[in-house]
Amino acid sequence: MARLGRAHAHVRHVRQQYLHQVANTLVKTHDQLVLEDLHIRGTLRNRRLAVAISDAAWAQFDRIVCYKQQWRGGQVEHAWRWYPSTRTCSRCATVGPKLPLSQRMFVCDGCGYQADRDRNAAINLAVWGEQHHTQTRDPEERGPVINASRGAGSGPHPGAGETDPNDGGTPPPHPRGCGVRDAREGRCQTSQQTRLRDRP
């Protein structure tokens, strides 16, 4: 049992480190990010995918990206759960029929455009984010977004024994808003709600 517990702990730590690495890469290179509000509970009903989806820890990745982007003064948008990003043509905006998971290529029935389904969805989400953005980065809040190591660049620096937003495994603070448009449970609040709450 002890060996099994150590194996599970190792897998958990590897997953945690990977999620933080990917999140750090995203927030360092993008002022604005758009994440899909997937119906995870519904997808877990698929017995063939339930284990893989649970192991991917999508909800945890969403939370990590949100608070790391807040630390850097960026913005995170959550696209509507039923937004047809996968079956909408990124070239002519034609909404096609539902695609099975086995179909990896998107083919538009209107203009004939063909692309990888994930790439097509990413382009649609980027356009959606531009149309629904609510704020821009404050350049004085956290300094420029650069691949700077700890102690370099502008902005506050942690002292001895402290952690910073780039440290993997750092638990999130209790945020007062990170530019997320919705305020569902477990997510950061909108900047508008924060401004209204902070008024005297």
Protein backbone atom coordinates (compact mmCIF):
# COMPACT_ATOMS: atom_id res chain seq x y z
CA MET A 1 0.00 0.00 0.00
CA ALA A 2 2.84 2.37 0.79
CA ARG A 3 4.40 1.75 -2.62
CA LEU A 4 1.05 2.35 -4.33
CA GLY A 5 0.59 5.58 -2.38
CA ARG A 6 4.04 6.80 -3.47
CA ALA A 7 3.21 5.97 -7.08
CA HIS A 8 -0.03 7.96 -6.94
CA ALA A 9 1.76 10.87 -5.29
CA HIS A 10 4.42 10.84 -8.02
CA VAL A 11 1.78 10.93 -10.76
CA ARG A 12 -0.01 13.78 -8.99
CA HIS A 13 3.20 15.81 -8.68
CA VAL A 14 4.11 15.24 -12.33
CA ARG A 15 0.65 16.37 -13.42
CA GLN A 16 0.80 19.42 -11.16
CA GLN A 17 4.21 20.44 -12.48
CA TYR A 18 3.09 20.04 -16.09
CA LEU A 19 -0.04 22.15 -15.55
CA HIS A 20 2.02 24.94 -13.98
CA GLN A 21 4.58 24.86 -16.78
CA VAL A 22 1.92 25.13 -19.48
CA ALA A 23 0.07 27.86 -17.57
CA ASN A 24 3.29 29.85 -17.09
CA THR A 25 4.06 29.65 -20.80
CA LEU A 26 0.60 30.91 -21.70
CA VAL A 27 0.42 33.83 -19.27
CA LYS A 28 3.96 34.98 -20.14
CA THR A 29 3.21 35.18 -23.85
CA HIS A 30 -0.44 36.34 -23.93
CA ASP A 31 -2.13 39.34 -22.34
CA GLN A 32 -5.55 37.85 -23.04
CA LEU A 33 -6.58 34.19 -22.93
CA VAL A 34 -9.86 32.54 -23.84
CA LEU A 35 -10.84 29.24 -22.25
CA GLU A 36 -13.87 27.16 -23.11
CA ASP A 37 -16.37 26.49 -20.34
CA LEU A 38 -16.63 22.77 -21.05
CA HIS A 39 -19.37 20.64 -19.54
CA ILE A 40 -16.90 18.36 -17.79
CA ARG A 41 -19.48 16.41 -15.81
CA GLY A 42 -21.26 15.58 -19.01
CA THR A 43 -18.09 14.41 -20.76
CA LEU A 44 -17.25 12.16 -17.81
CA ARG A 45 -20.34 10.11 -18.64
CA ASN A 46 -18.42 8.76 -21.62
CA ARG A 47 -16.80 5.68 -20.11
CA ARG A 48 -14.15 5.54 -22.82
CA LEU A 49 -12.94 9.06 -22.08
CA ALA A 50 -13.73 9.48 -18.38
CA VAL A 51 -10.34 8.30 -17.11
CA ALA A 52 -8.36 10.39 -19.60
CA ILE A 53 -10.44 13.51 -18.92
CA SER A 54 -10.12 13.14 -15.16
CA ASP A 55 -6.37 12.62 -15.47
CA ALA A 56 -6.03 15.78 -17.59
CA ALA A 57 -7.40 17.92 -14.71
CA TRP A 58 -9.07 20.53 -16.92
CA ALA A 59 -10.77 22.31 -14.04
CA GLN A 60 -7.50 22.59 -12.13
CA PHE A 61 -5.75 23.95 -15.23
CA ASP A 62 -8.51 26.56 -15.61
CA ARG A 63 -8.01 27.66 -12.01
CA ILE A 64 -4.21 27.86 -12.33
CA VAL A 65 -4.35 29.91 -15.52
CA CYS A 66 -6.88 32.27 -13.96
CA TYR A 67 -4.89 33.21 -10.87
CA LYS A 68 -1.54 33.32 -12.67
CA GLN A 69 -2.98 35.66 -15.27
CA GLN A 70 -4.37 37.80 -12.46
CA TRP A 71 -0.93 38.03 -10.89
CA ARG A 72 0.47 39.33 -14.18
CA GLY A 73 -2.36 41.79 -14.73
CA GLY A 74 -3.76 39.97 -17.76
CA GLN A 75 -7.25 38.91 -18.71
CA VAL A 76 -8.99 35.55 -18.93
CA GLU A 77 -12.25 35.13 -20.81
CA HIS A 78 -14.51 32.09 -20.59
CA ALA A 79 -16.39 31.34 -23.78
CA TRP A 80 -20.01 30.34 -23.46
CA ARG A 81 -20.37 26.61 -22.76
CA TRP A 82 -22.38 25.93 -25.90
CA TYR A 83 -20.41 28.22 -28.21
CA PRO A 84 -19.87 26.13 -31.40
CA SER A 85 -16.15 26.80 -31.71
CA THR A 86 -15.39 23.41 -33.26
CA ARG A 87 -18.08 23.38 -35.94
CA THR A 88 -17.93 27.06 -36.94
CA CYS A 89 -15.84 27.91 -39.98
CA SER A 90 -13.08 30.34 -38.99
CA ARG A 91 -13.04 31.73 -42.54
CA CYS A 92 -16.72 32.33 -43.44
CA ALA A 93 -18.41 31.83 -40.01
CA THR A 94 -20.72 29.10 -41.32
CA VAL A 95 -21.91 26.83 -38.51
CA GLY A 96 -21.82 23.22 -39.63
CA PRO A 97 -23.21 20.01 -38.12
CA LYS A 98 -21.86 18.42 -34.97
CA LEU A 99 -18.52 16.67 -35.45
CA PRO A 100 -17.79 13.26 -33.92
CA LEU A 101 -14.60 13.02 -31.89
CA SER A 102 -13.15 10.63 -34.45
CA GLN A 103 -13.24 13.35 -37.14
CA ARG A 104 -10.07 15.39 -36.64
CA MET A 105 -10.37 17.57 -39.75
CA PHE A 106 -12.90 20.38 -40.12
CA VAL A 107 -14.40 20.82 -43.58
CA CYS A 108 -16.72 23.78 -44.20
CA ASP A 109 -19.83 23.01 -46.21
CA GLY A 110 -20.10 26.66 -47.25
CA CYS A 111 -16.67 27.65 -48.56
CA GLY A 112 -14.81 24.35 -48.55
CA TYR A 113 -12.21 25.50 -46.01
CA GLN A 114 -10.29 22.63 -44.40
CA ALA A 115 -8.25 22.73 -41.20
CA ASP A 116 -7.44 20.72 -38.12
CA ARG A 117 -10.51 20.85 -35.91
CA ASP A 118 -8.54 22.07 -32.87
CA ARG A 119 -6.80 24.80 -34.85
CA ASN A 120 -10.10 25.94 -36.32
CA ALA A 121 -11.64 26.05 -32.83
CA ALA A 122 -8.66 28.00 -31.46
CA ILE A 123 -9.04 30.65 -34.18
CA ASN A 124 -12.75 30.98 -33.42
CA LEU A 125 -12.05 31.37 -29.70
CA ALA A 126 -9.43 34.04 -30.40
CA VAL A 127 -11.95 35.99 -32.47
CA TRP A 128 -14.57 35.53 -29.75
CA GLY A 129 -12.15 36.91 -27.19
CA GLU A 130 -11.46 40.01 -29.27
CA GLN A 131 -15.18 40.64 -29.58
CA HIS A 132 -15.87 40.21 -25.86
CA HIS A 133 -12.79 41.68 -24.20
CA THR A 134 -13.49 43.99 -21.26
CA GLN A 135 -10.13 45.38 -20.27
CA THR A 136 -6.51 45.73 -21.30
CA ARG A 137 -3.37 45.07 -19.33
CA ASP A 138 -2.25 47.85 -17.02
CA PRO A 139 1.46 48.28 -17.91
CA GLU A 140 2.19 49.65 -14.44
CA GLU A 141 0.52 46.78 -12.58
CA ARG A 142 2.98 43.94 -13.08
CA GLY A 143 5.43 45.15 -15.68
CA PRO A 144 5.88 43.78 -19.19
CA VAL A 145 5.18 40.17 -20.04
CA ILE A 146 8.63 38.74 -20.64
CA ASN A 147 10.38 35.46 -20.06
CA ALA A 148 12.33 36.94 -17.17
CA SER A 149 13.72 34.86 -14.35
CA ARG A 150 13.01 35.58 -10.70
CA GLY A 151 14.57 38.86 -9.65
CA ALA A 152 14.65 40.26 -13.18
CA GLY A 153 12.29 42.73 -14.81
CA SER A 154 9.98 45.28 -13.23
CA GLY A 155 7.35 44.74 -10.59
CA PRO A 156 7.53 43.47 -7.00
CA HIS A 157 9.96 40.69 -6.16
CA PRO A 158 9.59 38.11 -3.40
CA GLY A 159 11.90 38.12 -0.45
CA ALA A 160 13.67 35.23 1.20
CA GLY A 161 11.40 32.29 1.85
CA GLU A 162 8.57 33.76 -0.25
CA THR A 163 7.13 32.46 -3.49
CA ASP A 164 6.14 34.20 -6.69
CA PRO A 165 3.54 33.45 -9.40
CA ASN A 166 6.11 31.49 -11.45
CA ASP A 167 6.70 28.88 -8.77
CA GLY A 168 5.00 25.58 -9.58
CA GLY A 169 2.57 24.28 -7.03
CA THR A 170 1.93 27.67 -5.46
CA PRO A 171 -1.60 27.71 -4.02
CA PRO A 172 -3.77 30.48 -5.44
CA PRO A 173 -4.70 33.50 -3.36
CA HIS A 174 -8.27 34.54 -2.76
CA PRO A 175 -8.58 36.79 -5.82
CA ARG A 176 -10.53 40.01 -5.93
CA GLY A 177 -11.06 39.72 -9.67
CA CYS A 178 -8.89 38.75 -12.63
CA GLY A 179 -10.80 40.02 -15.61
CA VAL A 180 -12.93 36.91 -16.01
CA ARG A 181 -16.32 37.74 -17.44
CA ASP A 182 -18.28 35.27 -15.35
CA ALA A 183 -18.31 34.61 -11.62
CA ARG A 184 -19.16 30.95 -11.40
CA GLU A 185 -18.19 29.06 -8.27
CA GLY A 186 -14.47 28.41 -8.01
CA ARG A 187 -13.55 31.10 -10.52
CA CYS A 188 -12.27 34.63 -10.24
CA GLN A 189 -14.71 37.50 -10.25
CA THR A 190 -15.01 40.13 -12.94
CA SER A 191 -13.14 43.39 -12.72
CA GLN A 192 -16.46 45.23 -13.01
CA GLN A 193 -17.83 43.48 -9.93
CA THR A 194 -14.62 44.29 -8.09
CA ARG A 195 -14.88 47.99 -8.98
CA LEU A 196 -18.49 48.13 -7.82
CA ARG A 197 -17.64 46.39 -4.56
CA ASP A 198 -14.66 48.67 -3.87
CA ARG A 199 -16.68 51.87 -4.24
CA PRO A 200 -17.11 53.77 -0.93
